[in-house]
């Protein structure tokens, strides 16, 4: 069951609309919340690795950098 060409054109033309301000604010708040959680967790992990495990700050920084880079592969 495929889409007919006229149905496909109708779908494409209706999805090219601008976002409302409420949608933009909603996406921004969701992104802010996830970044806040990420920052709190990485800050805690940095403290934990340096003060509890006794790993050097340079090693912890390299570890965090490696984890952040590997997340985008």
Protein backbone atom coordinates (compact mmCIF):
# COMPACT_ATOMS: atom_id res chain seq x y z
CA UNK A 1 0.00 0.00 0.00
CA UNK A 2 1.95 2.99 -1.22
CA UNK A 3 1.21 6.67 -1.28
CA UNK A 4 -0.12 8.13 -4.45
CA UNK A 5 1.76 11.10 -5.85
CA UNK A 6 -1.05 13.54 -5.13
CA UNK A 7 -1.27 12.35 -1.50
CA UNK A 8 2.48 12.72 -1.12
CA UNK A 9 2.40 16.29 -2.47
CA UNK A 10 -0.45 17.15 -0.08
CA UNK A 11 1.52 15.74 2.89
CA UNK A 12 4.69 17.63 1.97
CA UNK A 13 2.92 20.94 1.45
CA UNK A 14 1.10 20.81 4.80
CA UNK A 15 4.20 19.96 6.85
CA UNK A 16 6.10 23.08 5.76
CA UNK A 17 4.58 25.36 8.39
CA UNK A 18 6.22 27.63 10.94
CA UNK A 19 6.20 26.66 14.58
CA UNK A 20 4.13 28.67 16.99
CA UNK A 21 5.76 30.49 19.89
CA UNK A 22 4.25 27.99 22.34
CA UNK A 23 5.90 25.09 20.49
CA UNK A 24 9.25 26.89 20.47
CA UNK A 25 9.03 27.55 24.20
CA UNK A 26 8.00 23.94 24.85
CA UNK A 27 11.02 22.58 22.96
CA UNK A 28 13.31 25.07 24.70
CA UNK A 29 12.05 24.06 28.15
CA UNK A 30 12.47 20.38 27.38
CA UNK A 31 16.02 20.96 26.18
CA UNK A 32 16.79 23.10 29.22
CA UNK A 33 15.54 20.37 31.55
CA UNK A 34 17.64 17.66 29.92
CA UNK A 35 20.74 19.88 29.96
CA UNK A 36 20.17 20.66 33.62
CA UNK A 37 20.04 16.96 34.51
CA UNK A 38 23.14 16.27 32.39
CA UNK A 39 25.08 19.07 34.10
CA UNK A 40 24.13 17.91 37.60
CA UNK A 41 25.13 14.31 36.83
CA UNK A 42 28.48 15.19 35.26
CA UNK A 43 29.31 17.56 38.11
CA UNK A 44 28.53 14.88 40.66
CA UNK A 45 30.52 12.26 38.76
CA UNK A 46 33.52 14.58 38.58
CA UNK A 47 33.36 15.15 42.33
CA UNK A 48 32.90 11.42 42.97
CA UNK A 49 35.80 10.33 40.76
CA UNK A 50 38.24 12.90 42.17
CA UNK A 51 37.33 12.87 45.88
CA UNK A 52 36.07 9.32 46.49
CA UNK A 53 38.14 7.28 44.04
CA UNK A 54 41.13 9.62 44.16
CA UNK A 55 41.61 9.79 40.38
CA UNK A 56 43.49 12.86 39.15
CA UNK A 57 41.53 15.77 37.76
CA UNK A 58 43.25 15.55 34.35
CA UNK A 59 42.35 11.85 34.05
CA UNK A 60 38.73 12.55 35.01
CA UNK A 61 38.55 15.39 32.49
CA UNK A 62 39.92 13.12 29.78
CA UNK A 63 37.44 10.41 30.77
CA UNK A 64 34.52 12.85 30.58
CA UNK A 65 35.73 14.16 27.21
CA UNK A 66 36.02 10.64 25.85
CA UNK A 67 32.52 9.78 27.02
CA UNK A 68 31.09 12.92 25.45
CA UNK A 69 32.85 12.30 22.13
CA UNK A 70 31.84 8.64 21.99
CA UNK A 71 28.22 9.66 22.54
CA UNK A 72 28.16 11.25 19.05
CA UNK A 73 29.46 8.24 17.10
